[in-house]
Amino acid sequence: MKFRRFEVVESKAGRDQGTIYLISEILDENYVNLIDGKYRTISKPKRKKIKHICSLGEVATELEGTFEDKSKVNDGVIKKILKKFEKIC
């Protein structure tokens, strides 16, 4: 499955099973960096295998272009985006 940057995903394996994340970076064909704004911040993302995550079918397009400028995006913005997806699951 092909994932995109800033896609909203759910962890399907590990201690964090069921946790909602945002893909901050695609490292290679097997690994991605995930953030949630609370435990996994922008400065300390979680590295996870692609086979252990599932897409929720949404992409946070409001982050495209602003993520490189650290003054416009912080962990509070990430938490706010992911909050609406926690109610769905």
PDB file of N, CA and C in Angstrom:
ATOM      1  N   MET A   1       0.847  -1.181   0.000  1.00  0.00           N
ATOM      2  CA  MET A   1       0.000   0.000   0.000  1.00  0.00           C
ATOM      3  C   MET A   1       0.891   1.242   0.000  1.00  0.00           C
ATOM      4  N   LYS A   2       0.499   2.212  -0.755  1.00  0.00           N
ATOM      5  CA  LYS A   2       1.254   3.454  -0.881  1.00  0.00           C
ATOM      6  C   LYS A   2       0.704   4.485   0.095  1.00  0.00           C
ATOM      7  N   PHE A   3       1.570   5.008   0.945  1.00  0.00           N
ATOM      8  CA  PHE A   3       1.193   6.028   1.909  1.00  0.00           C
ATOM      9  C   PHE A   3       1.721   7.382   1.461  1.00  0.00           C
ATOM     10  N   ARG A   4       1.059   8.446   1.924  1.00  0.00           N
ATOM     11  CA  ARG A   4       1.471   9.807   1.604  1.00  0.00           C
ATOM     12  C   ARG A   4       1.884  10.524   2.877  1.00  0.00           C
ATOM     13  N   ARG A   5       2.689  11.550   2.720  1.00  0.00           N
ATOM     14  CA  ARG A   5       3.073  12.375   3.849  1.00  0.00           C
ATOM     15  C   ARG A   5       1.833  13.108   4.372  1.00  0.00           C
ATOM     16  N   PHE A   6       1.709  13.223   5.672  1.00  0.00           N
ATOM     17  CA  PHE A   6       0.591  13.855   6.375  1.00  0.00           C
ATOM     18  C   PHE A   6      -0.696  13.039   6.303  1.00  0.00           C
ATOM     19  N   GLU A   7      -0.598  11.763   5.993  1.00  0.00           N
ATOM     20  CA  GLU A   7      -1.763  10.891   5.995  1.00  0.00           C
ATOM     21  C   GLU A   7      -2.058  10.450   7.428  1.00  0.00           C
ATOM     22  N   VAL A   8      -3.318  10.349   7.761  1.00  0.00           N
ATOM     23  CA  VAL A   8      -3.734   9.910   9.092  1.00  0.00           C
ATOM     24  C   VAL A   8      -3.813   8.392   9.086  1.00  0.00           C
ATOM     25  N   VAL A   9      -3.107   7.762  10.041  1.00  0.00           N
ATOM     26  CA  VAL A   9      -3.036   6.306  10.102  1.00  0.00           C
ATOM     27  C   VAL A   9      -3.300   5.830  11.530  1.00  0.00           C
ATOM     28  N   GLU A  10      -3.590   4.543  11.636  1.00  0.00           N
ATOM     29  CA  GLU A  10      -3.791   3.897  12.933  1.00  0.00           C
ATOM     30  C   GLU A  10      -2.787   2.772  13.079  1.00  0.00           C
ATOM     31  N   SER A  11      -2.202   2.649  14.253  1.00  0.00           N
ATOM     32  CA  SER A  11      -1.256   1.582  14.531  1.00  0.00           C
ATOM     33  C   SER A  11      -2.019   0.277  14.713  1.00  0.00           C
ATOM     34  N   LYS A  12      -1.566  -0.783  14.052  1.00  0.00           N
ATOM     35  CA  LYS A  12      -2.237  -2.075  14.125  1.00  0.00           C
ATOM     36  C   LYS A  12      -1.451  -3.113  14.916  1.00  0.00           C
ATOM     37  N   ALA A  13      -0.240  -2.782  15.355  1.00  0.00           N
ATOM     38  CA  ALA A  13       0.574  -3.745  16.090  1.00  0.00           C
ATOM     39  C   ALA A  13       1.485  -3.015  17.056  1.00  0.00           C
ATOM     40  N   GLY A  14       1.845  -3.706  18.114  1.00  0.00           N
ATOM     41  CA  GLY A  14       2.760  -3.145  19.096  1.00  0.00           C
ATOM     42  C   GLY A  14       2.030  -2.595  20.312  1.00  0.00           C
ATOM     43  N   ARG A  15       2.803  -2.006  21.214  1.00  0.00           N
ATOM     44  CA  ARG A  15       2.222  -1.431  22.435  1.00  0.00           C
ATOM     45  C   ARG A  15       1.286  -0.275  22.149  1.00  0.00           C
ATOM     46  N   ASP A  16       1.488   0.378  21.034  1.00  0.00           N
ATOM     47  CA  ASP A  16       0.665   1.537  20.667  1.00  0.00           C
ATOM     48  C   ASP A  16      -0.513   1.167  19.770  1.00  0.00           C
ATOM     49  N   GLN A  17      -0.912  -0.091  19.764  1.00  0.00           N
ATOM     50  CA  GLN A  17      -2.000  -0.558  18.905  1.00  0.00           C
ATOM     51  C   GLN A  17      -3.263   0.273  19.146  1.00  0.00           C
ATOM     52  N   GLY A  18      -3.860   0.747  18.061  1.00  0.00           N
ATOM     53  CA  GLY A  18      -5.072   1.556  18.143  1.00  0.00           C
ATOM     54  C   GLY A  18      -4.826   3.050  18.222  1.00  0.00           C
ATOM     55  N   THR A  19      -3.577   3.464  18.310  1.00  0.00           N
ATOM     56  CA  THR A  19      -3.240   4.881  18.398  1.00  0.00           C
ATOM     57  C   THR A  19      -3.290   5.531  17.022  1.00  0.00           C
ATOM     58  N   ILE A  20      -3.817   6.745  16.972  1.00  0.00           N
ATOM     59  CA  ILE A  20      -3.924   7.503  15.727  1.00  0.00           C
ATOM     60  C   ILE A  20      -2.678   8.380  15.586  1.00  0.00           C
ATOM     61  N   TYR A  21      -2.055   8.320  14.411  1.00  0.00           N
ATOM     62  CA  TYR A  21      -0.846   9.089  14.128  1.00  0.00           C
ATOM     63  C   TYR A  21      -0.992   9.830  12.811  1.00  0.00           C
ATOM     64  N   LEU A  22      -0.038  10.715  12.578  1.00  0.00           N
ATOM     65  CA  LEU A  22       0.112  11.420  11.319  1.00  0.00           C
ATOM     66  C   LEU A  22       1.487  11.064  10.771  1.00  0.00           C
ATOM     67  N   ILE A  23       1.570  10.724   9.502  1.00  0.00           N
ATOM     68  CA  ILE A  23       2.864  10.412   8.900  1.00  0.00           C
ATOM     69  C   ILE A  23       3.611  11.717   8.665  1.00  0.00           C
ATOM     70  N   SER A  24       4.751  11.871   9.342  1.00  0.00           N
ATOM     71  CA  SER A  24       5.529  13.100   9.172  1.00  0.00           C
ATOM     72  C   SER A  24       6.582  12.950   8.087  1.00  0.00           C
ATOM     73  N   GLU A  25       7.037  11.714   7.863  1.00  0.00           N
ATOM     74  CA  GLU A  25       8.088  11.499   6.872  1.00  0.00           C
ATOM     75  C   GLU A  25       8.063  10.041   6.429  1.00  0.00           C
ATOM     76  N   ILE A  26       8.270   9.819   5.149  1.00  0.00           N
ATOM     77  CA  ILE A  26       8.412   8.467   4.620  1.00  0.00           C
ATOM     78  C   ILE A  26       9.906   8.215   4.466  1.00  0.00           C
ATOM     79  N   LEU A  27      10.427   7.265   5.252  1.00  0.00           N
ATOM     80  CA  LEU A  27      11.866   7.015   5.274  1.00  0.00           C
ATOM     81  C   LEU A  27      12.321   6.165   4.091  1.00  0.00           C
ATOM     82  N   ASP A  28      11.642   5.073   3.825  1.00  0.00           N
ATOM     83  CA  ASP A  28      11.920   4.222   2.670  1.00  0.00           C
ATOM     84  C   ASP A  28      10.669   3.391   2.396  1.00  0.00           C
ATOM     85  N   GLU A  29      10.805   2.306   1.637  1.00  0.00           N
ATOM     86  CA  GLU A  29       9.618   1.522   1.280  1.00  0.00           C
ATOM     87  C   GLU A  29       9.088   0.698   2.444  1.00  0.00           C
ATOM     88  N   ASN A  30       9.827   0.609   3.561  1.00  0.00           N
ATOM     89  CA  ASN A  30       9.387  -0.183   4.705  1.00  0.00           C
ATOM     90  C   ASN A  30       9.069   0.616   5.963  1.00  0.00           C
ATOM     91  N   TYR A  31       9.602   1.819   6.103  1.00  0.00           N
ATOM     92  CA  TYR A  31       9.474   2.570   7.348  1.00  0.00           C
ATOM     93  C   TYR A  31       8.963   3.997   7.126  1.00  0.00           C
ATOM     94  N   VAL A  32       8.227   4.482   8.142  1.00  0.00           N
ATOM     95  CA  VAL A  32       7.760   5.866   8.175  1.00  0.00           C
ATOM     96  C   VAL A  32       8.006   6.432   9.573  1.00  0.00           C
ATOM     97  N   ASN A  33       8.015   7.760   9.686  1.00  0.00           N
ATOM     98  CA  ASN A  33       8.046   8.441  10.973  1.00  0.00           C
ATOM     99  C   ASN A  33       6.639   8.917  11.280  1.00  0.00           C
ATOM    100  N   LEU A  34       6.180   8.659  12.509  1.00  0.00           N
ATOM    101  CA  LEU A  34       4.830   9.007  12.926  1.00  0.00           C
ATOM    102  C   LEU A  34       4.866  10.002  14.077  1.00  0.00           C
ATOM    103  N   ILE A  35       3.895  10.916  14.095  1.00  0.00           N
ATOM    104  CA  ILE A  35       3.772  11.883  15.188  1.00  0.00           C
ATOM    105  C   ILE A  35       2.312  11.931  15.641  1.00  0.00           C
ATOM    106  N   ASP A  36       2.113  12.260  16.932  1.00  0.00           N
ATOM    107  CA  ASP A  36       0.760  12.453  17.428  1.00  0.00           C
ATOM    108  C   ASP A  36       0.606  13.758  18.202  1.00  0.00           C
ATOM    109  N   GLY A  37       1.701  14.479  18.399  1.00  0.00           N
ATOM    110  CA  GLY A  37       1.650  15.768  19.069  1.00  0.00           C
ATOM    111  C   GLY A  37       1.664  15.697  20.580  1.00  0.00           C
ATOM    112  N   LYS A  38       1.443  14.508  21.142  1.00  0.00           N
ATOM    113  CA  LYS A  38       1.408  14.365  22.589  1.00  0.00           C
ATOM    114  C   LYS A  38       2.613  13.570  23.083  1.00  0.00           C
ATOM    115  N   TYR A  39       2.647  12.295  22.769  1.00  0.00           N
ATOM    116  CA  TYR A  39       3.762  11.442  23.181  1.00  0.00           C
ATOM    117  C   TYR A  39       4.867  11.409  22.128  1.00  0.00           C
ATOM    118  N   ARG A  40       4.468  11.433  20.880  1.00  0.00           N
ATOM    119  CA  ARG A  40       5.414  11.457  19.766  1.00  0.00           C
ATOM    120  C   ARG A  40       5.320  12.817  19.105  1.00  0.00           C
ATOM    121  N   THR A  41       6.259  13.681  19.489  1.00  0.00           N
ATOM    122  CA  THR A  41       6.237  15.067  19.029  1.00  0.00           C
ATOM    123  C   THR A  41       6.968  15.218  17.704  1.00  0.00           C
ATOM    124  N   ILE A  42       6.920  16.417  17.160  1.00  0.00           N
ATOM    125  CA  ILE A  42       7.601  16.712  15.901  1.00  0.00           C
ATOM    126  C   ILE A  42       9.096  16.485  16.045  1.00  0.00           C
ATOM    127  N   SER A  43       9.641  16.821  17.198  1.00  0.00           N
ATOM    128  CA  SER A  43      11.080  16.672  17.410  1.00  0.00           C
ATOM    129  C   SER A  43      11.489  15.238  17.749  1.00  0.00           C
ATOM    130  N   LYS A  44      10.532  14.383  18.127  1.00  0.00           N
ATOM    131  CA  LYS A  44      10.843  12.997  18.499  1.00  0.00           C
ATOM    132  C   LYS A  44       9.801  12.042  17.910  1.00  0.00           C
ATOM    133  N   PRO A  45       9.815  11.836  16.582  1.00  0.00           N
ATOM    134  CA  PRO A  45       8.813  10.977  15.951  1.00  0.00           C
ATOM    135  C   PRO A  45       9.075   9.498  16.220  1.00  0.00           C
ATOM    136  N   LYS A  46       8.052   8.687  15.997  1.00  0.00           N
ATOM    137  CA  LYS A  46       8.155   7.234  16.156  1.00  0.00           C
ATOM    138  C   LYS A  46       8.423   6.607  14.795  1.00  0.00           C
ATOM    139  N   ARG A  47       9.429   5.754  14.734  1.00  0.00           N
ATOM    140  CA  ARG A  47       9.735   5.016  13.513  1.00  0.00           C
ATOM    141  C   ARG A  47       8.943   3.720  13.553  1.00  0.00           C
ATOM    142  N   LYS A  48       8.187   3.431  12.490  1.00  0.00           N
ATOM    143  CA  LYS A  48       7.335   2.244  12.474  1.00  0.00           C
ATOM    144  C   LYS A  48       7.301   1.644  11.077  1.00  0.00           C
ATOM    145  N   LYS A  49       7.182   0.318  11.041  1.00  0.00           N
ATOM    146  CA  LYS A  49       7.075  -0.374   9.759  1.00  0.00           C
ATOM    147  C   LYS A  49       5.715  -0.103   9.127  1.00  0.00           C
ATOM    148  N   ILE A  50       5.726   0.021   7.816  1.00  0.00           N
ATOM    149  CA  ILE A  50       4.500   0.290   7.074  1.00  0.00           C
ATOM    150  C   ILE A  50       3.490  -0.844   7.236  1.00  0.00           C
ATOM    151  N   LYS A  51       3.946  -2.074   7.353  1.00  0.00           N
ATOM    152  CA  LYS A  51       3.016  -3.195   7.476  1.00  0.00           C
ATOM    153  C   LYS A  51       2.269  -3.197   8.813  1.00  0.00           C
ATOM    154  N   HIS A  52       2.704  -2.357   9.763  1.00  0.00           N
ATOM    155  CA  HIS A  52       2.055  -2.296  11.073  1.00  0.00           C
ATOM    156  C   HIS A  52       1.126  -1.101  11.238  1.00  0.00           C
ATOM    157  N   ILE A  53       0.824  -0.399  10.134  1.00  0.00           N
ATOM    158  CA  ILE A  53      -0.112   0.722  10.202  1.00  0.00           C
ATOM    159  C   ILE A  53      -1.207   0.547   9.152  1.00  0.00           C
ATOM    160  N   CYS A  54      -2.326   1.204   9.396  1.00  0.00           N
ATOM    161  CA  CYS A  54      -3.473   1.147   8.495  1.00  0.00           C
ATOM    162  C   CYS A  54      -3.961   2.566   8.230  1.00  0.00           C
ATOM    163  N   SER A  55      -4.201   2.889   6.993  1.00  0.00           N
ATOM    164  CA  SER A  55      -4.647   4.224   6.621  1.00  0.00           C
ATOM    165  C   SER A  55      -6.107   4.435   7.001  1.00  0.00           C
ATOM    166  N   LEU A  56      -6.433   5.634   7.458  1.00  0.00           N
ATOM    167  CA  LEU A  56      -7.816   5.996   7.735  1.00  0.00           C
ATOM    168  C   LEU A  56      -8.444   6.736   6.558  1.00  0.00           C
ATOM    169  N   GLY A  57      -7.687   6.873   5.468  1.00  0.00           N
ATOM    170  CA  GLY A  57      -8.219   7.470   4.251  1.00  0.00           C
ATOM    171  C   GLY A  57      -8.263   8.981   4.226  1.00  0.00           C
ATOM    172  N   GLU A  58      -7.608   9.639   5.155  1.00  0.00           N
ATOM    173  CA  GLU A  58      -7.597  11.097   5.219  1.00  0.00           C
ATOM    174  C   GLU A  58      -6.169  11.612   5.180  1.00  0.00           C
ATOM    175  N   VAL A  59      -5.995  12.778   4.548  1.00  0.00           N
ATOM    176  CA  VAL A  59      -4.693  13.441   4.496  1.00  0.00           C
ATOM    177  C   VAL A  59      -4.877  14.855   5.032  1.00  0.00           C
ATOM    178  N   ALA A  60      -4.000  15.266   5.949  1.00  0.00           N
ATOM    179  CA  ALA A  60      -4.065  16.613   6.520  1.00  0.00           C
ATOM    180  C   ALA A  60      -3.408  17.582   5.545  1.00  0.00           C
ATOM    181  N   THR A  61      -4.169  18.027   4.562  1.00  0.00           N
ATOM    182  CA  THR A  61      -3.631  18.888   3.508  1.00  0.00           C
ATOM    183  C   THR A  61      -3.261  20.273   4.018  1.00  0.00           C
ATOM    184  N   GLU A  62      -3.808  20.681   5.161  1.00  0.00           N
ATOM    185  CA  GLU A  62      -3.486  22.005   5.685  1.00  0.00           C
ATOM    186  C   GLU A  62      -2.043  22.109   6.158  1.00  0.00           C
ATOM    187  N   LEU A  63      -1.355  20.982   6.326  1.00  0.00           N
ATOM    188  CA  LEU A  63       0.045  20.997   6.749  1.00  0.00           C
ATOM    189  C   LEU A  63       1.026  21.069   5.590  1.00  0.00           C
ATOM    190  N   GLU A  64       0.575  20.770   4.392  1.00  0.00           N
ATOM    191  CA  GLU A  64       1.478  20.783   3.246  1.00  0.00           C
ATOM    192  C   GLU A  64       2.014  22.185   3.014  1.00  0.00           C
ATOM    193  N   GLY A  65       3.328  22.286   2.930  1.00  0.00           N
ATOM    194  CA  GLY A  65       3.965  23.563   2.700  1.00  0.00           C
ATOM    195  C   GLY A  65       4.317  24.316   3.971  1.00  0.00           C
ATOM    196  N   THR A  66       3.603  24.062   5.061  1.00  0.00           N
ATOM    197  CA  THR A  66       3.888  24.766   6.317  1.00  0.00           C
ATOM    198  C   THR A  66       4.752  23.951   7.255  1.00  0.00           C
ATOM    199  N   PHE A  67       4.885  22.666   7.021  1.00  0.00           N
ATOM    200  CA  PHE A  67       5.609  21.791   7.940  1.00  0.00           C
ATOM    201  C   PHE A  67       7.097  22.109   7.989  1.00  0.00           C
ATOM    202  N   GLU A  68       7.663  22.562   6.879  1.00  0.00           N
ATOM    203  CA  GLU A  68       9.086  22.903   6.847  1.00  0.00           C
ATOM    204  C   GLU A  68       9.377  24.154   7.663  1.00  0.00           C
ATOM    205  N   ASP A  69       8.409  25.061   7.748  1.00  0.00           N
ATOM    206  CA  ASP A  69       8.555  26.274   8.544  1.00  0.00           C
ATOM    207  C   ASP A  69       8.092  25.965   9.967  1.00  0.00           C
ATOM    208  N   LYS A  70       9.030  25.710  10.861  1.00  0.00           N
ATOM    209  CA  LYS A  70       8.718  25.261  12.221  1.00  0.00           C
ATOM    210  C   LYS A  70       7.937  26.294  13.034  1.00  0.00           C
ATOM    211  N   SER A  71       7.970  27.561  12.632  1.00  0.00           N
ATOM    212  CA  SER A  71       7.249  28.579  13.386  1.00  0.00           C
ATOM    213  C   SER A  71       5.740  28.486  13.173  1.00  0.00           C
ATOM    214  N   LYS A  72       5.290  27.878  12.089  1.00  0.00           N
ATOM    215  CA  LYS A  72       3.865  27.793  11.788  1.00  0.00           C
ATOM    216  C   LYS A  72       3.214  26.514  12.302  1.00  0.00           C
ATOM    217  N   VAL A  73       4.002  25.483  12.571  1.00  0.00           N
ATOM    218  CA  VAL A  73       3.456  24.207  13.007  1.00  0.00           C
ATOM    219  C   VAL A  73       4.107  23.820  14.332  1.00  0.00           C
ATOM    220  N   ASN A  74       3.262  23.463  15.288  1.00  0.00           N
ATOM    221  CA  ASN A  74       3.768  22.939  16.546  1.00  0.00           C
ATOM    222  C   ASN A  74       2.942  21.720  16.927  1.00  0.00           C
ATOM    223  N   ASP A  75       3.247  21.134  18.059  1.00  0.00           N
ATOM    224  CA  ASP A  75       2.558  19.914  18.465  1.00  0.00           C
ATOM    225  C   ASP A  75       1.083  20.146  18.769  1.00  0.00           C
ATOM    226  N   GLY A  76       0.728  21.348  19.173  1.00  0.00           N
ATOM    227  CA  GLY A  76      -0.677  21.672  19.419  1.00  0.00           C
ATOM    228  C   GLY A  76      -1.519  21.593  18.160  1.00  0.00           C
ATOM    229  N   VAL A  77      -0.958  22.017  17.051  1.00  0.00           N
ATOM    230  CA  VAL A  77      -1.654  21.935  15.757  1.00  0.00           C
ATOM    231  C   VAL A  77      -1.880  20.474  15.375  1.00  0.00           C
ATOM    232  N   ILE A  78      -0.878  19.637  15.600  1.00  0.00           N
ATOM    233  CA  ILE A  78      -0.988  18.209  15.284  1.00  0.00           C
ATOM    234  C   ILE A  78      -2.075  17.564  16.145  1.00  0.00           C
ATOM    235  N   LYS A  79      -2.094  17.861  17.440  1.00  0.00           N
ATOM    236  CA  LYS A  79      -3.118  17.308  18.341  1.00  0.00           C
ATOM    237  C   LYS A  79      -4.518  17.729  17.905  1.00  0.00           C
ATOM    238  N   LYS A  80      -4.655  18.968  17.482  1.00  0.00           N
ATOM    239  CA  LYS A  80      -5.959  19.482  17.059  1.00  0.00           C
ATOM    240  C   LYS A  80      -6.458  18.750  15.807  1.00  0.00           C
ATOM    241  N   ILE A  81      -5.559  18.487  14.880  1.00  0.00           N
ATOM    242  CA  ILE A  81      -5.928  17.773  13.656  1.00  0.00           C
ATOM    243  C   ILE A  81      -6.346  16.344  13.968  1.00  0.00           C
ATOM    244  N   LEU A  82      -5.602  15.667  14.839  1.00  0.00           N
ATOM    245  CA  LEU A  82      -5.867  14.263  15.141  1.00  0.00           C
ATOM    246  C   LEU A  82      -7.040  14.062  16.090  1.00  0.00           C
ATOM    247  N   LYS A  83      -7.440  15.093  16.810  1.00  0.00           N
ATOM    248  CA  LYS A  83      -8.532  14.975  17.776  1.00  0.00           C
ATOM    249  C   LYS A  83      -9.844  14.554  17.106  1.00  0.00           C
ATOM    250  N   LYS A  84     -10.112  15.074  15.925  1.00  0.00           N
ATOM    251  CA  LYS A  84     -11.366  14.729  15.247  1.00  0.00           C
ATOM    252  C   LYS A  84     -11.390  13.278  14.777  1.00  0.00           C
ATOM    253  N   PHE A  85     -10.232  12.662  14.597  1.00  0.00           N
ATOM    254  CA  PHE A  85     -10.181  11.271  14.163  1.00  0.00           C
ATOM    255  C   PHE A  85     -10.318  10.301  15.325  1.00  0.00           C
ATOM    256  N   GLU A  86      -9.992  10.709  16.543  1.00  0.00           N
ATOM    257  CA  GLU A  86     -10.144   9.844  17.705  1.00  0.00           C
ATOM    258  C   GLU A  86     -11.610   9.537  17.974  1.00  0.00           C
ATOM    259  N   LYS A  87     -12.490  10.467  17.649  1.00  0.00           N
ATOM    260  CA  LYS A  87     -13.920  10.262  17.876  1.00  0.00           C
ATOM    261  C   LYS A  87     -14.498   9.262  16.890  1.00  0.00           C
ATOM    262  N   ILE A  88     -13.912   9.146  15.711  1.00  0.00           N
ATOM    263  CA  ILE A  88     -14.400   8.244  14.679  1.00  0.00           C
ATOM    264  C   ILE A  88     -14.105   6.794  15.032  1.00  0.00           C
ATOM    265  N   CYS A  89     -12.899   6.536  15.523  1.00  0.00           N
ATOM    266  CA  CYS A  89     -12.447   5.153  15.767  1.00  0.00           C
ATOM    267  C   CYS A  89     -12.998   4.552  17.022  1.00  0.00           C
TER     268      CYS A  89
END
